[in-house]
Protein backbone atom coordinates (compact mmCIF):
# COMPACT_ATOMS: atom_id res chain seq x y z
CA MET A 1 188.87 74.44 99.63
CA CYS A 2 192.15 74.02 97.81
CA LEU A 3 195.54 73.30 99.32
CA GLY A 4 198.58 73.15 97.02
CA GLY A 5 196.46 72.19 94.03
CA VAL A 6 194.74 69.41 96.00
CA ILE A 7 191.05 69.85 96.66
CA MET A 8 190.36 69.39 100.37
CA GLU A 9 186.86 68.43 101.38
CA LYS A 10 185.41 70.06 104.47
CA THR A 11 184.42 67.88 107.36
CA ASN A 12 180.85 66.65 107.51
CA VAL A 13 178.71 65.27 110.29
CA PHE A 14 180.00 61.72 109.74
CA ASP A 15 183.55 62.84 110.57
CA TYR A 16 182.25 63.88 113.99
CA VAL A 17 180.20 60.70 114.33
CA LYS A 18 183.36 58.68 113.70
CA TRP A 19 185.25 60.63 116.41
CA PHE A 20 182.54 59.82 118.96
CA LEU A 21 182.62 56.17 117.88
CA GLU A 22 186.43 56.08 118.18
CA ASN A 23 186.05 57.36 121.73
CA ASN A 24 183.42 54.71 122.58
CA LEU A 25 180.80 57.29 123.47
CA ASP A 26 177.87 55.50 121.83
CA THR A 27 177.29 53.26 124.82
CA PRO A 28 175.91 50.69 124.79
CA ARG A 29 177.12 50.27 121.19
CA ASN A 30 174.79 49.04 118.47
CA THR A 31 171.64 49.67 120.53
CA PHE A 32 168.83 52.20 120.47
CA LYS A 33 170.34 53.85 123.57
CA GLY A 34 173.80 53.97 122.01
CA ASN A 35 172.37 55.66 118.93
CA MET A 36 170.38 58.07 121.09
CA LYS A 37 173.46 59.01 123.11
CA LEU A 38 175.43 59.62 119.92
CA GLN A 39 172.65 61.92 118.68
CA LYS A 40 172.71 64.01 121.83
CA LEU A 41 176.51 64.28 121.86
CA LEU A 42 176.39 65.59 118.28
CA PHE A 43 173.78 68.11 119.37
CA PHE A 44 175.76 69.34 122.37
CA ALA A 45 178.95 69.49 120.30
CA GLN A 46 177.12 71.73 117.81
CA LEU A 47 175.93 73.99 120.64
CA ILE A 48 179.37 74.15 122.23
CA SER A 49 180.88 75.15 118.90
CA LEU A 50 178.29 77.90 118.50
CA ALA A 51 178.79 79.14 122.06
CA LYS A 52 182.58 78.99 122.02
CA ASN A 53 183.50 79.73 118.39
CA ASN A 54 180.32 81.30 117.00
CA ARG A 55 180.17 78.75 114.18
CA LEU A 56 178.57 75.43 113.33
CA LEU A 57 180.66 72.25 113.30
CA PHE A 58 178.54 70.83 110.45
CA LYS A 59 175.78 72.17 108.23
CA GLU A 60 173.32 69.29 108.65
CA GLU A 61 170.21 70.11 110.70
CA PHE A 62 168.63 68.29 113.62
CA CYS A 63 165.04 67.16 113.98
CA ALA A 64 162.94 67.50 117.11
CA PHE A 65 161.83 63.96 117.94
CA GLU A 66 160.18 62.52 121.07
CA ASN A 67 163.55 61.57 122.55
CA GLY A 68 165.14 64.94 121.83
CA MET A 69 167.25 66.34 119.04
CA VAL A 70 168.14 63.84 116.32
CA MET A 71 170.14 63.97 113.11
CA GLU A 72 167.94 61.66 111.04
CA ASN A 73 170.55 60.66 108.44
CA VAL A 74 173.01 59.72 111.22
CA ARG A 75 170.31 57.86 113.18
CA LEU A 76 169.45 55.72 110.17
CA GLU A 77 173.08 55.12 109.19
CA TYR A 78 173.94 54.02 112.73
CA LYS A 79 170.86 51.78 112.91
CA ASN A 80 171.32 50.18 109.48
CA ASN A 81 175.04 50.44 108.66
CA LEU A 82 177.07 50.63 111.87
CA LYS A 83 179.83 48.47 110.43
CA GLU A 84 180.36 50.96 107.60
CA LEU A 85 180.39 53.84 110.08
CA LEU A 86 183.03 52.08 112.17
CA ASN A 87 185.17 51.70 109.03
CA TYR A 88 184.59 55.29 107.87
CA LYS A 89 187.83 57.23 107.29
CA ARG A 90 187.31 60.59 108.91
CA LYS A 91 189.13 63.77 108.08
CA ASP A 92 191.41 65.54 110.53
CA PHE A 93 189.95 68.30 112.68
CA SER A 94 191.12 71.80 113.34
CA LYS A 95 192.44 72.53 116.83
CA GLU A 96 189.19 74.44 117.57
CA ASP A 97 186.98 71.53 116.49
CA LEU A 98 189.02 69.01 118.45
CA GLU A 99 188.70 71.22 121.53
CA VAL A 100 184.90 71.29 121.06
CA LEU A 101 184.80 67.50 120.79
CA GLU A 102 186.96 67.05 123.89
CA LEU A 103 184.76 69.48 125.84
CA THR A 104 181.66 67.59 124.71
CA LYS A 105 183.19 64.28 125.80
CA ASN A 106 184.37 65.65 129.15
CA ILE A 107 181.13 67.45 130.02
CA TYR A 108 178.47 65.14 128.54
CA GLY A 109 180.20 61.87 127.66
CA GLY A 110 179.61 60.26 131.05
CA GLU A 111 175.86 60.86 130.99
CA THR A 112 173.31 58.26 129.92
CA ALA A 113 171.28 58.55 126.75
CA ASP A 114 168.14 59.22 128.82
CA THR A 115 169.78 62.01 130.83
CA LEU A 116 171.08 63.66 127.67
CA SER A 117 167.68 63.27 126.03
CA ASN A 118 166.00 64.98 128.98
CA MET A 119 168.53 67.81 128.76
CA THR A 120 167.55 68.45 125.12
CA HIS A 121 163.90 68.72 126.17
CA GLN A 122 164.71 71.98 127.95
CA PHE A 123 165.21 73.88 124.69
CA GLU A 124 162.28 75.91 123.40
CA TYR A 125 163.06 75.09 119.76
CA TRP A 126 162.81 71.38 120.56
CA LYS A 127 159.35 71.95 122.03
CA LYS A 128 158.32 74.19 119.11
CA TYR A 129 159.36 71.85 116.29
CA LEU A 130 158.17 68.70 118.04
CA SER A 131 154.77 70.36 118.36
CA LEU A 132 154.83 71.49 114.71
CA SER A 133 155.56 67.93 113.61
CA ASN A 134 152.55 66.54 115.46
CA ASN A 135 149.67 65.78 113.10
CA GLY A 136 147.27 64.89 115.89
CA THR A 137 147.99 61.20 115.40
CA ASP A 138 150.87 58.93 116.28
CA TYR A 139 152.44 59.92 112.96
CA LYS A 140 154.94 62.77 113.03
CA ASP A 141 155.76 64.87 109.97
CA LYS A 142 159.57 64.66 109.91
CA LYS A 143 159.87 67.61 107.52
CA LYS A 144 158.09 69.84 110.03
CA ALA A 145 160.38 68.54 112.81
CA ILE A 146 163.55 69.99 111.20
CA VAL A 147 165.06 72.67 113.41
CA PRO A 148 166.84 75.30 111.28
CA ASN A 149 170.45 75.78 112.40
CA LYS A 150 169.82 79.50 112.92
CA GLU A 151 167.44 78.56 115.77
CA LEU A 152 170.28 76.90 117.71
CA LYS A 153 171.83 80.32 118.30
CA ASN A 154 168.76 81.45 120.26
CA GLU A 155 169.42 79.51 123.45
CA LEU A 156 173.15 79.45 124.08
CA ASP A 157 173.17 81.05 127.55
CA ASN A 158 172.83 77.70 129.34
CA ILE A 159 175.64 76.16 127.31
CA LYS A 160 177.83 79.19 128.00
CA ASP A 161 177.09 78.79 131.73
CA VAL A 162 178.04 75.10 131.55
CA LEU A 163 181.30 75.97 129.77
CA ASP A 164 182.10 78.65 132.36
CA ALA A 165 181.43 76.23 135.22
CA TYR A 166 183.55 73.55 133.56
CA GLU A 167 186.41 76.02 133.11
CA ILE A 168 186.24 77.06 136.77
CA MET A 169 186.11 73.47 138.02
CA ASN A 170 189.15 72.61 135.93
CA SER A 171 191.15 75.70 136.81
CA LYS A 172 194.38 75.43 138.75
CA GLU A 173 192.96 77.65 141.49
CA PHE A 174 189.90 75.46 141.98
CA LYS A 175 191.91 72.23 142.01
CA GLU A 176 194.34 73.68 144.54
CA GLY A 177 191.52 75.02 146.70
CA GLU A 178 192.57 78.64 146.27
CA GLU A 179 190.11 81.47 146.50
CA LEU A 180 188.48 82.19 143.16
CA ASP A 181 187.85 85.70 141.91
CA TYR A 182 184.56 85.77 139.99
């Protein structure tokens, strides 16, 4: 992408990671649970973007792991280089992307890592790719656990229902106790 002769890089997953870190949503920070919560927020942000804007926030793909959907490169970076992530200079977001992040924070940000993990277990593609990665031993084949981004589009009805419910609950009519017209 070029703007006035200056090459502009597109956002990547670490720009979104940084936003979640800036908003202290990886609680408790610098722990397994904090990392797990960050993973699930990235996942739900990706789904919200697909449901709301019909596009991915980032091109990187998730893996189906025991504790739900995980972005392996982010998991390892958080685990091994959190200080660098905290100092990462993220790019600015479009209005649409910022709205997706705010929705993710408002809808899912108050949940625990375990609750969010359990929510990701409801998706058929999580079950499918977790099963494919199982070699019959304790070892999982991470390459077989990768969930192609195109699969994420298959189960957006629940996310759309959540977004509709959130919109209703935050409507002026609902807050003022007026009768809603469905």
